[in-house]
Every structure is written in C-alpha cells, then in structure tokens.
Amino acid sequence: MDLLENMNAVVNYIENHLDEDINYKEVAKITHFSDHHFKRMFSFIAGITLSDYVRRRRLTLAAFDLKDSDMRVIDVAMKYGYNSPDSFSRAFQALHGVNPSIVKNSDVPLKAYPRMTFHISIKGDVEMNYKFVEKEAFTVIGKKETVASSGEDFNPKMWEHIEEIEEAVKPYDNTSFSGILNVSVTKENGDIYYYIATATTKPCPKELEILEIPSQTWAVFQATGEMPDALLTTWERVYTEWFPTSGYELAEAPEFVKGITDTLTEIWVPIKKKQ
C-alpha cells in the first residue's frame, strides 16, 4: 500500500505549493518513480493529467480569492503562476465560464474542483496475465529519439515513420529473442531515450544506435485485444492494480514493449523487491 500513501503525500505537497512554482521532479521522488513514470502513473490512477489537476486546483482557489478577499485580478493571477492577467483570464474563463473581473461583485456560478485523495480498490474480477523473467544482458540496435519530459503525452516523432524504421532494423534480428522492441530508458533529468530496435549480435551500423540492456528481473504482462486500447488498458492496470499490491517496485533499467501478434503484445517492466 506504500504507493497509495506516497500518492497522497504527493497531493499534500502539491496542495501546500499551489501558490508557488512546483518542482515536479522533486514531487516524483516522493513516489520513488522517475518524473516520466510518475506523470504516467498519476494520469492512470487519477484519470486526469497532473498538469490539469494542478491547473484546476489553482483556478478553484483563485475563484475563492477573488470572491472572498480584496485581491485584484492581477494579484491573483501572479499568485497562481500566471505571467499576465490576460493569460489568467483566458484560463479562468475556460474553466469557470465567466471573466474573473466580474466575480467579486456578482453571484455568477463558479466551478470547484476539490483536492484529490487516493484509495485502493481491489476488484479482482478480471485476471492479469503476467510472469517473472530473469533475463541475461543483451544488446539491441535501432533508431533512437530523445523525448523531452516537459510534455504529459508520450508521442515520439519516430512514430510518424514507424513502418520504415521497423523495416530498417529487421535485418539485424538474429537472436532467439526475436521481434521489434519499443524500448524506453528514463534519464535522471526525466527525458526519455526511446528506441525502435531489435535484439542482435551483429555489429551496429553508423546509421543506427546501440543499447546494452543489463541482466535484470522483469515482470512481463500480456496485453490482449485491439491495439493500442488493450496496451493502454494493461499499462493502467499495471500501475493502479499490480504495483500497489505486488510488493515490487520499478528498477532502474529500460522497459520495453514487444509485439507478438496483431492482438497480443508483451509489456516488460524492470522490477525489484521493495526494501
């Protein structure tokens, strides 16, 4: 249950810093996940992105300040991190449906988004197919892209040319661990090195990148059904159901997705026992 306790600690931290700059990398450390994994986990568990949650909470408190205090619109805007009254007014109107300048002297209806609290709910009505695999170190080569951690969505540019890239790396697929691998390596700054690659023993040509994947224990989950919906649903269950109750946590190693058939995909998550 440590994960849920940590997520509630994250909400406490955020609530205490809504009128300050929030260092999301420091927030992620509370959960012992990387910045990338934390943002993804938050979205899965909360059903809303972290940035949207913070925005809604700030604009909720901003409405209270405008209604119940003598603060000017510009003062409220600056308090909650908006660089100008115009940008604040646009965000406020998008959420509440009214201009902030009229809130103080009118009875217009406003929206309130309460702070979040996390509880665990064990359903147990749908099985999760997974296994543990202890795999020796191996090498992959493929195309590499650095995906910045600044965005909430993981959307590599390489996906626009994915078929072409897969065809380019297939000739190097010469091991028993065959197939195309979508590999993600999270760096200390939160950025992601993303590879479309294959396991190989062949030399790496200059137009491709090489990655050595260390010996590691993996939890391997099966996503079955129409893609990408089945894959996203399985990822969500890994974070919201499996990790909170498994006694394991993420290890510092690459994670990857391995396609088996058109309707079966494996998610390989590096794990270690909780201390």
C-alpha atoms as a PDB file:
ATOM      1  CA  MET A   1       0.000   0.000   0.000  1.00  0.00           C
ATOM      2  CA  ASP A   2       3.061   2.295   0.083  1.00  0.00           C
ATOM      3  CA  LEU A   3       2.290   3.566  -3.409  1.00  0.00           C
ATOM      4  CA  LEU A   4      -1.108   4.924  -2.369  1.00  0.00           C
ATOM      5  CA  GLU A   5       0.391   6.505   0.747  1.00  0.00           C
ATOM      6  CA  ASN A   6       3.033   8.148  -1.403  1.00  0.00           C
ATOM      7  CA  MET A   7       0.447   9.408  -3.880  1.00  0.00           C
ATOM      8  CA  ASN A   8      -1.483  11.032  -1.033  1.00  0.00           C
ATOM      9  CA  ALA A   9       1.789  12.560   0.169  1.00  0.00           C
ATOM     10  CA  VAL A  10       2.237  13.969  -3.345  1.00  0.00           C
ATOM     11  CA  VAL A  11      -1.201  15.591  -3.193  1.00  0.00           C
ATOM     12  CA  ASN A  12      -0.336  17.088   0.201  1.00  0.00           C
ATOM     13  CA  TYR A  13       2.860  18.528  -1.245  1.00  0.00           C
ATOM     14  CA  ILE A  14       1.063  19.953  -4.274  1.00  0.00           C
ATOM     15  CA  GLU A  15      -1.697  21.476  -2.153  1.00  0.00           C
ATOM     16  CA  ASN A  16       0.908  23.213   0.014  1.00  0.00           C
ATOM     17  CA  HIS A  17       2.660  24.655  -3.039  1.00  0.00           C
ATOM     18  CA  LEU A  18      -0.187  25.694  -5.342  1.00  0.00           C
ATOM     19  CA  ASP A  19       0.839  29.341  -4.991  1.00  0.00           C
ATOM     20  CA  GLU A  20       4.498  28.530  -5.773  1.00  0.00           C
ATOM     21  CA  ASP A  21       6.497  27.013  -8.606  1.00  0.00           C
ATOM     22  CA  ILE A  22       6.175  23.243  -8.274  1.00  0.00           C
ATOM     23  CA  ASN A  23       9.292  21.179  -8.948  1.00  0.00           C
ATOM     24  CA  TYR A  24       7.743  18.068 -10.463  1.00  0.00           C
ATOM     25  CA  LYS A  25      10.989  16.119 -10.353  1.00  0.00           C
ATOM     26  CA  GLU A  26      11.050  16.607  -6.587  1.00  0.00           C
ATOM     27  CA  VAL A  27       7.392  15.600  -6.416  1.00  0.00           C
ATOM     28  CA  ALA A  28       8.174  12.395  -8.325  1.00  0.00           C
ATOM     29  CA  LYS A  29      10.863  11.489  -5.784  1.00  0.00           C
ATOM     30  CA  ILE A  30       8.148  11.114  -3.131  1.00  0.00           C
ATOM     31  CA  THR A  31       6.798   8.123  -5.061  1.00  0.00           C
ATOM     32  CA  HIS A  32      10.275   6.733  -5.873  1.00  0.00           C
ATOM     33  CA  PHE A  33       9.371   6.813  -9.572  1.00  0.00           C
ATOM     34  CA  SER A  34      11.052   8.804 -12.326  1.00  0.00           C
ATOM     35  CA  ASP A  35       9.414  12.022 -13.463  1.00  0.00           C
ATOM     36  CA  HIS A  36       8.113  10.269 -16.598  1.00  0.00           C
ATOM     37  CA  HIS A  37       6.745   7.229 -14.779  1.00  0.00           C
ATOM     38  CA  PHE A  38       5.221   9.370 -12.047  1.00  0.00           C
ATOM     39  CA  LYS A  39       3.290  11.555 -14.504  1.00  0.00           C
ATOM     40  CA  ARG A  40       2.036   8.496 -16.345  1.00  0.00           C
ATOM     41  CA  MET A  41       1.097   6.750 -13.105  1.00  0.00           C
ATOM     42  CA  PHE A  42      -0.755   9.833 -11.856  1.00  0.00           C
ATOM     43  CA  SER A  43      -2.788  10.005 -15.065  1.00  0.00           C
ATOM     44  CA  PHE A  44      -3.688   6.326 -14.850  1.00  0.00           C
ATOM     45  CA  ILE A  45      -4.724   6.437 -11.187  1.00  0.00           C
ATOM     46  CA  ALA A  46      -6.355   9.878 -11.127  1.00  0.00           C
ATOM     47  CA  GLY A  47      -7.975   9.816 -14.567  1.00  0.00           C
ATOM     48  CA  ILE A  48      -6.563  13.285 -15.241  1.00  0.00           C
ATOM     49  CA  THR A  49      -3.090  14.550 -16.088  1.00  0.00           C
ATOM     50  CA  LEU A  50      -1.029  16.069 -13.311  1.00  0.00           C
ATOM     51  CA  SER A  51      -0.840  19.451 -15.053  1.00  0.00           C
ATOM     52  CA  ASP A  52      -4.633  19.534 -15.466  1.00  0.00           C
ATOM     53  CA  TYR A  53      -5.139  18.679 -11.802  1.00  0.00           C
ATOM     54  CA  VAL A  54      -2.802  21.472 -10.681  1.00  0.00           C
ATOM     55  CA  ARG A  55      -4.431  23.938 -13.100  1.00  0.00           C
ATOM     56  CA  ARG A  56      -7.940  23.112 -11.893  1.00  0.00           C
ATOM     57  CA  ARG A  57      -6.968  23.339  -8.238  1.00  0.00           C
ATOM     58  CA  ARG A  58      -5.225  26.689  -8.752  1.00  0.00           C
ATOM     59  CA  LEU A  59      -8.199  28.138 -10.610  1.00  0.00           C
ATOM     60  CA  THR A  60     -10.552  26.825  -7.919  1.00  0.00           C
ATOM     61  CA  LEU A  61      -8.560  28.626  -5.214  1.00  0.00           C
ATOM     62  CA  ALA A  62      -8.271  31.689  -7.441  1.00  0.00           C
ATOM     63  CA  ALA A  63     -12.064  31.921  -7.579  1.00  0.00           C
ATOM     64  CA  PHE A  64     -12.231  31.812  -3.775  1.00  0.00           C
ATOM     65  CA  ASP A  65      -9.623  34.567  -3.525  1.00  0.00           C
ATOM     66  CA  LEU A  66     -11.490  36.795  -5.969  1.00  0.00           C
ATOM     67  CA  LYS A  67     -14.805  36.240  -4.206  1.00  0.00           C
ATOM     68  CA  ASP A  68     -13.722  36.413  -0.579  1.00  0.00           C
ATOM     69  CA  SER A  69     -10.811  38.856  -0.494  1.00  0.00           C
ATOM     70  CA  ASP A  70      -9.809  42.300  -1.697  1.00  0.00           C
ATOM     71  CA  MET A  71      -7.188  40.925  -4.094  1.00  0.00           C
ATOM     72  CA  ARG A  72      -7.075  42.361  -7.599  1.00  0.00           C
ATOM     73  CA  VAL A  73      -7.228  40.103 -10.644  1.00  0.00           C
ATOM     74  CA  ILE A  74      -3.567  40.788 -11.427  1.00  0.00           C
ATOM     75  CA  ASP A  75      -2.560  39.862  -7.869  1.00  0.00           C
ATOM     76  CA  VAL A  76      -4.481  36.581  -8.026  1.00  0.00           C
ATOM     77  CA  ALA A  77      -3.009  35.837 -11.454  1.00  0.00           C
ATOM     78  CA  MET A  78       0.543  36.298 -10.187  1.00  0.00           C
ATOM     79  CA  LYS A  79      -0.164  34.287  -7.021  1.00  0.00           C
ATOM     80  CA  TYR A  80      -1.088  31.210  -9.040  1.00  0.00           C
ATOM     81  CA  GLY A  81       1.729  31.401 -11.548  1.00  0.00           C
ATOM     82  CA  TYR A  82       0.200  33.272 -14.491  1.00  0.00           C
ATOM     83  CA  ASN A  83       2.535  35.743 -16.163  1.00  0.00           C
ATOM     84  CA  SER A  84      -0.181  38.148 -17.239  1.00  0.00           C
ATOM     85  CA  PRO A  85      -3.811  38.994 -16.403  1.00  0.00           C
ATOM     86  CA  ASP A  86      -4.770  38.081 -19.973  1.00  0.00           C
ATOM     87  CA  SER A  87      -3.453  34.507 -19.754  1.00  0.00           C
ATOM     88  CA  PHE A  88      -5.092  34.128 -16.343  1.00  0.00           C
ATOM     89  CA  SER A  89      -8.405  35.485 -17.629  1.00  0.00           C
ATOM     90  CA  ARG A  90      -8.418  33.056 -20.552  1.00  0.00           C
ATOM     91  CA  ALA A  91      -7.711  30.074 -18.294  1.00  0.00           C
ATOM     92  CA  PHE A  92     -10.235  31.233 -15.699  1.00  0.00           C
ATOM     93  CA  GLN A  93     -12.969  31.725 -18.290  1.00  0.00           C
ATOM     94  CA  ALA A  94     -12.233  28.350 -19.897  1.00  0.00           C
ATOM     95  CA  LEU A  95     -12.790  26.617 -16.546  1.00  0.00           C
ATOM     96  CA  HIS A  96     -15.475  28.714 -14.870  1.00  0.00           C
ATOM     97  CA  GLY A  97     -17.258  30.144 -17.910  1.00  0.00           C
ATOM     98  CA  VAL A  98     -17.004  33.740 -16.686  1.00  0.00           C
ATOM     99  CA  ASN A  99     -14.421  36.510 -16.710  1.00  0.00           C
ATOM    100  CA  PRO A 100     -12.588  36.851 -13.370  1.00  0.00           C
ATOM    101  CA  SER A 101     -13.200  40.598 -13.318  1.00  0.00           C
ATOM    102  CA  ILE A 102     -16.923  40.136 -12.621  1.00  0.00           C
ATOM    103  CA  VAL A 103     -16.667  37.523  -9.867  1.00  0.00           C
ATOM    104  CA  LYS A 104     -16.332  39.872  -6.921  1.00  0.00           C
ATOM    105  CA  ASN A 105     -19.490  41.898  -7.486  1.00  0.00           C
ATOM    106  CA  SER A 106     -21.872  39.257  -8.829  1.00  0.00           C
ATOM    107  CA  ASP A 107     -23.440  35.934  -7.958  1.00  0.00           C
ATOM    108  CA  VAL A 108     -22.243  34.082 -11.056  1.00  0.00           C
ATOM    109  CA  PRO A 109     -21.947  30.293 -10.617  1.00  0.00           C
ATOM    110  CA  LEU A 110     -18.375  29.008 -10.316  1.00  0.00           C
ATOM    111  CA  LYS A 111     -16.867  25.554 -10.502  1.00  0.00           C
ATOM    112  CA  ALA A 112     -14.915  23.986  -7.666  1.00  0.00           C
ATOM    113  CA  TYR A 113     -12.557  21.027  -8.043  1.00  0.00           C
ATOM    114  CA  PRO A 114     -11.808  19.522  -4.602  1.00  0.00           C
ATOM    115  CA  ARG A 115      -8.424  18.152  -3.656  1.00  0.00           C
ATOM    116  CA  MET A 116      -7.861  14.537  -4.526  1.00  0.00           C
ATOM    117  CA  THR A 117      -7.477  11.639  -2.118  1.00  0.00           C
ATOM    118  CA  PHE A 118      -6.320   8.211  -3.262  1.00  0.00           C
ATOM    119  CA  HIS A 119      -7.830   4.960  -2.013  1.00  0.00           C
ATOM    120  CA  ILE A 120      -7.158   1.483  -3.309  1.00  0.00           C
ATOM    121  CA  SER A 121      -9.975  -0.637  -4.690  1.00  0.00           C
ATOM    122  CA  ILE A 122      -9.211  -4.279  -5.375  1.00  0.00           C
ATOM    123  CA  LYS A 123     -11.687  -5.559  -7.931  1.00  0.00           C
ATOM    124  CA  GLY A 124     -10.312  -8.972  -8.729  1.00  0.00           C
ATOM    125  CA  ASP A 125     -12.902  -9.586 -11.418  1.00  0.00           C
ATOM    126  CA  VAL A 126     -10.506  -9.531 -14.377  1.00  0.00           C
ATOM    127  CA  GLU A 127      -7.323 -11.582 -14.261  1.00  0.00           C
ATOM    128  CA  MET A 128      -3.926 -10.170 -15.206  1.00  0.00           C
ATOM    129  CA  ASN A 129      -1.667 -12.438 -17.191  1.00  0.00           C
ATOM    130  CA  TYR A 130       1.962 -11.927 -16.205  1.00  0.00           C
ATOM    131  CA  LYS A 131       5.152 -13.803 -15.448  1.00  0.00           C
ATOM    132  CA  PHE A 132       8.581 -13.120 -13.974  1.00  0.00           C
ATOM    133  CA  VAL A 133      11.559 -13.436 -16.306  1.00  0.00           C
ATOM    134  CA  GLU A 134      15.197 -13.306 -15.252  1.00  0.00           C
ATOM    135  CA  LYS A 135      16.996 -12.381 -18.457  1.00  0.00           C
ATOM    136  CA  GLU A 136      20.715 -12.146 -19.062  1.00  0.00           C
ATOM    137  CA  ALA A 137      22.207  -8.990 -20.536  1.00  0.00           C
ATOM    138  CA  PHE A 138      21.590  -8.468 -24.251  1.00  0.00           C
ATOM    139  CA  THR A 139      22.181  -5.893 -26.956  1.00  0.00           C
ATOM    140  CA  VAL A 140      19.690  -4.053 -29.138  1.00  0.00           C
ATOM    141  CA  ILE A 141      20.258  -1.751 -32.083  1.00  0.00           C
ATOM    142  CA  GLY A 142      17.775   0.571 -33.721  1.00  0.00           C
ATOM    143  CA  LYS A 143      16.665   4.140 -34.236  1.00  0.00           C
ATOM    144  CA  LYS A 144      16.821   6.419 -31.210  1.00  0.00           C
ATOM    145  CA  GLU A 145      14.951   9.585 -30.259  1.00  0.00           C
ATOM    146  CA  THR A 146      15.165  11.772 -27.156  1.00  0.00           C
ATOM    147  CA  VAL A 147      11.668  12.583 -25.895  1.00  0.00           C
ATOM    148  CA  ALA A 148      11.554  15.578 -23.555  1.00  0.00           C
ATOM    149  CA  SER A 149       9.932  15.174 -20.160  1.00  0.00           C
ATOM    150  CA  SER A 150       8.140  18.520 -20.407  1.00  0.00           C
ATOM    151  CA  GLY A 151       5.026  17.076 -22.042  1.00  0.00           C
ATOM    152  CA  GLU A 152       2.327  14.935 -20.428  1.00  0.00           C
ATOM    153  CA  ASP A 153       1.838  12.776 -23.515  1.00  0.00           C
ATOM    154  CA  PHE A 154       4.429  10.328 -24.811  1.00  0.00           C
ATOM    155  CA  ASN A 155       4.375  10.888 -28.559  1.00  0.00           C
ATOM    156  CA  PRO A 156       7.738  10.295 -30.278  1.00  0.00           C
ATOM    157  CA  LYS A 157       8.208  11.803 -33.733  1.00  0.00           C
ATOM    158  CA  MET A 158       9.538   8.442 -34.943  1.00  0.00           C
ATOM    159  CA  TRP A 159       6.011   7.068 -34.823  1.00  0.00           C
ATOM    160  CA  GLU A 160       5.309   9.040 -37.993  1.00  0.00           C
ATOM    161  CA  HIS A 161       7.764   6.725 -39.813  1.00  0.00           C
ATOM    162  CA  ILE A 162       7.423   3.584 -37.720  1.00  0.00           C
ATOM    163  CA  GLU A 163       6.955   1.105 -40.590  1.00  0.00           C
ATOM    164  CA  GLU A 164      10.015   2.428 -42.398  1.00  0.00           C
ATOM    165  CA  ILE A 165      12.118   2.236 -39.227  1.00  0.00           C
ATOM    166  CA  GLU A 166      10.971  -1.287 -38.411  1.00  0.00           C
ATOM    167  CA  GLU A 167      11.973  -2.431 -41.907  1.00  0.00           C
ATOM    168  CA  ALA A 168      15.405  -0.838 -41.401  1.00  0.00           C
ATOM    169  CA  VAL A 169      16.126  -2.739 -38.167  1.00  0.00           C
ATOM    170  CA  LYS A 170      14.613  -6.124 -39.084  1.00  0.00           C
ATOM    171  CA  PRO A 171      17.756  -7.368 -40.905  1.00  0.00           C
ATOM    172  CA  TYR A 172      19.634  -7.253 -37.578  1.00  0.00           C
ATOM    173  CA  ASP A 173      17.123  -9.506 -35.778  1.00  0.00           C
ATOM    174  CA  ASN A 174      19.225 -12.669 -35.302  1.00  0.00           C
ATOM    175  CA  THR A 175      18.622 -13.924 -31.754  1.00  0.00           C
ATOM    176  CA  SER A 176      16.078 -16.221 -30.136  1.00  0.00           C
ATOM    177  CA  PHE A 177      14.561 -13.079 -28.571  1.00  0.00           C
ATOM    178  CA  SER A 178      13.193 -12.018 -31.925  1.00  0.00           C
ATOM    179  CA  GLY A 179      10.875  -9.214 -32.914  1.00  0.00           C
ATOM    180  CA  ILE A 180      10.620  -5.443 -32.806  1.00  0.00           C
ATOM    181  CA  LEU A 181      11.170  -3.856 -29.393  1.00  0.00           C
ATOM    182  CA  ASN A 182       9.981  -0.423 -28.333  1.00  0.00           C
ATOM    183  CA  VAL A 183      12.498   0.438 -25.615  1.00  0.00           C
ATOM    184  CA  SER A 184      12.310   3.370 -23.171  1.00  0.00           C
ATOM    185  CA  VAL A 185      15.211   4.496 -20.985  1.00  0.00           C
ATOM    186  CA  THR A 186      14.376   7.213 -18.457  1.00  0.00           C
ATOM    187  CA  LYS A 187      17.263   9.590 -17.731  1.00  0.00           C
ATOM    188  CA  GLU A 188      17.949  11.450 -14.484  1.00  0.00           C
ATOM    189  CA  ASN A 189      16.544  14.694 -15.908  1.00  0.00           C
ATOM    190  CA  GLY A 190      13.274  12.957 -16.788  1.00  0.00           C
ATOM    191  CA  ASP A 191      13.882  12.828 -20.538  1.00  0.00           C
ATOM    192  CA  ILE A 192      13.422   9.506 -22.310  1.00  0.00           C
ATOM    193  CA  TYR A 193      15.725   7.786 -24.762  1.00  0.00           C
ATOM    194  CA  TYR A 194      13.255   5.909 -26.950  1.00  0.00           C
ATOM    195  CA  TYR A 195      14.350   3.165 -29.359  1.00  0.00           C
ATOM    196  CA  ILE A 196      12.617   1.221 -32.085  1.00  0.00           C
ATOM    197  CA  ALA A 197      15.015  -1.690 -32.107  1.00  0.00           C
ATOM    198  CA  THR A 198      15.708  -5.410 -32.182  1.00  0.00           C
ATOM    199  CA  ALA A 199      17.945  -7.737 -30.187  1.00  0.00           C
ATOM    200  CA  THR A 200      21.063  -8.677 -32.107  1.00  0.00           C
ATOM    201  CA  THR A 201      24.644  -9.929 -32.047  1.00  0.00           C
ATOM    202  CA  LYS A 202      25.554  -8.128 -35.274  1.00  0.00           C
ATOM    203  CA  PRO A 203      27.781  -5.019 -35.417  1.00  0.00           C
ATOM    204  CA  CYS A 204      25.900  -1.733 -35.241  1.00  0.00           C
ATOM    205  CA  PRO A 205      25.929   0.298 -38.479  1.00  0.00           C
ATOM    206  CA  LYS A 206      26.608   4.028 -38.271  1.00  0.00           C
ATOM    207  CA  GLU A 207      23.024   4.966 -39.116  1.00  0.00           C
ATOM    208  CA  LEU A 208      21.642   3.105 -36.056  1.00  0.00           C
ATOM    209  CA  GLU A 209      22.193   3.302 -32.289  1.00  0.00           C
ATOM    210  CA  ILE A 210      23.273   0.557 -29.903  1.00  0.00           C
ATOM    211  CA  LEU A 211      21.963  -0.076 -26.386  1.00  0.00           C
ATOM    212  CA  GLU A 212      23.256  -2.604 -23.878  1.00  0.00           C
ATOM    213  CA  ILE A 213      20.444  -3.876 -21.650  1.00  0.00           C
ATOM    214  CA  PRO A 214      21.740  -5.302 -18.365  1.00  0.00           C
ATOM    215  CA  SER A 215      20.810  -8.543 -16.677  1.00  0.00           C
ATOM    216  CA  GLN A 216      17.516  -7.893 -14.915  1.00  0.00           C
ATOM    217  CA  THR A 217      14.343  -9.382 -13.479  1.00  0.00           C
ATOM    218  CA  TRP A 218      11.262  -8.358 -15.429  1.00  0.00           C
ATOM    219  CA  ALA A 219       7.555  -8.591 -14.833  1.00  0.00           C
ATOM    220  CA  VAL A 220       6.083  -9.415 -18.230  1.00  0.00           C
ATOM    221  CA  PHE A 221       2.421  -8.578 -18.782  1.00  0.00           C
ATOM    222  CA  GLN A 222       0.238  -9.699 -21.684  1.00  0.00           C
ATOM    223  CA  ALA A 223      -1.984  -7.142 -23.387  1.00  0.00           C
ATOM    224  CA  THR A 224      -4.603  -8.954 -25.445  1.00  0.00           C
ATOM    225  CA  GLY A 225      -7.106  -7.338 -27.789  1.00  0.00           C
ATOM    226  CA  GLU A 226      -7.326  -4.490 -30.238  1.00  0.00           C
ATOM    227  CA  MET A 227      -4.280  -2.209 -30.120  1.00  0.00           C
ATOM    228  CA  PRO A 228      -3.496   0.365 -28.858  1.00  0.00           C
ATOM    229  CA  ASP A 229      -6.503   0.262 -26.493  1.00  0.00           C
ATOM    230  CA  ALA A 230      -5.560  -3.103 -24.993  1.00  0.00           C
ATOM    231  CA  LEU A 231      -1.997  -1.914 -24.438  1.00  0.00           C
ATOM    232  CA  LEU A 232      -3.083   1.290 -22.692  1.00  0.00           C
ATOM    233  CA  THR A 233      -5.583  -0.571 -20.524  1.00  0.00           C
ATOM    234  CA  THR A 234      -2.926  -3.060 -19.437  1.00  0.00           C
ATOM    235  CA  TRP A 235      -0.441  -0.277 -18.647  1.00  0.00           C
ATOM    236  CA  GLU A 236      -3.113   1.342 -16.486  1.00  0.00           C
ATOM    237  CA  ARG A 237      -3.765  -1.869 -14.569  1.00  0.00           C
ATOM    238  CA  VAL A 238      -0.033  -2.415 -14.019  1.00  0.00           C
ATOM    239  CA  TYR A 239       0.174   0.913 -12.186  1.00  0.00           C
ATOM    240  CA  THR A 240      -3.199   1.011 -10.470  1.00  0.00           C
ATOM    241  CA  GLU A 241      -3.647  -2.662  -9.520  1.00  0.00           C
ATOM    242  CA  TRP A 242      -0.415  -4.626  -9.764  1.00  0.00           C
ATOM    243  CA  PHE A 243       2.247  -2.317  -8.321  1.00  0.00           C
ATOM    244  CA  PRO A 244       0.223  -1.206  -5.249  1.00  0.00           C
ATOM    245  CA  THR A 245      -0.303  -4.827  -4.132  1.00  0.00           C
ATOM    246  CA  SER A 246       2.676  -6.758  -5.542  1.00  0.00           C
ATOM    247  CA  GLY A 247       5.475  -5.949  -3.111  1.00  0.00           C
ATOM    248  CA  TYR A 248       7.632  -4.859  -6.052  1.00  0.00           C
ATOM    249  CA  GLU A 249       8.740  -1.500  -7.398  1.00  0.00           C
ATOM    250  CA  LEU A 250      10.321  -0.244 -10.604  1.00  0.00           C
ATOM    251  CA  ALA A 251      14.009  -0.943 -11.052  1.00  0.00           C
ATOM    252  CA  GLU A 252      16.390   1.421 -12.813  1.00  0.00           C
ATOM    253  CA  ALA A 253      16.562  -0.337 -16.159  1.00  0.00           C
ATOM    254  CA  PRO A 254      14.963   0.027 -19.599  1.00  0.00           C
ATOM    255  CA  GLU A 255      11.363  -1.009 -20.092  1.00  0.00           C
ATOM    256  CA  PHE A 256      10.069  -2.217 -23.412  1.00  0.00           C
ATOM    257  CA  VAL A 257       7.059  -3.348 -25.377  1.00  0.00           C
ATOM    258  CA  LYS A 258       7.318  -6.414 -27.609  1.00  0.00           C
ATOM    259  CA  GLY A 259       4.713  -7.206 -30.230  1.00  0.00           C
ATOM    260  CA  ILE A 260       3.818 -10.891 -30.535  1.00  0.00           C
ATOM    261  CA  THR A 261       0.797 -10.824 -32.872  1.00  0.00           C
ATOM    262  CA  ASP A 262      -1.625  -8.159 -34.056  1.00  0.00           C
ATOM    263  CA  THR A 263      -3.723  -8.748 -30.929  1.00  0.00           C
ATOM    264  CA  LEU A 264      -1.061  -9.786 -28.395  1.00  0.00           C
ATOM    265  CA  THR A 265       1.657  -7.523 -27.001  1.00  0.00           C
ATOM    266  CA  GLU A 266       4.038  -8.012 -24.074  1.00  0.00           C
ATOM    267  CA  ILE A 267       4.971  -5.235 -21.655  1.00  0.00           C
ATOM    268  CA  TRP A 268       8.358  -5.842 -19.988  1.00  0.00           C
ATOM    269  CA  VAL A 269       8.714  -3.865 -16.749  1.00  0.00           C
ATOM    270  CA  PRO A 270      12.021  -3.965 -14.797  1.00  0.00           C
ATOM    271  CA  ILE A 271      11.281  -4.687 -11.149  1.00  0.00           C
ATOM    272  CA  LYS A 272      12.917  -5.163  -7.774  1.00  0.00           C
ATOM    273  CA  LYS A 273      11.629  -6.216  -4.360  1.00  0.00           C
ATOM    274  CA  LYS A 274      10.601  -3.340  -2.108  1.00  0.00           C
ATOM    275  CA  GLN A 275      13.115  -2.732   0.655  1.00  0.00           C
END
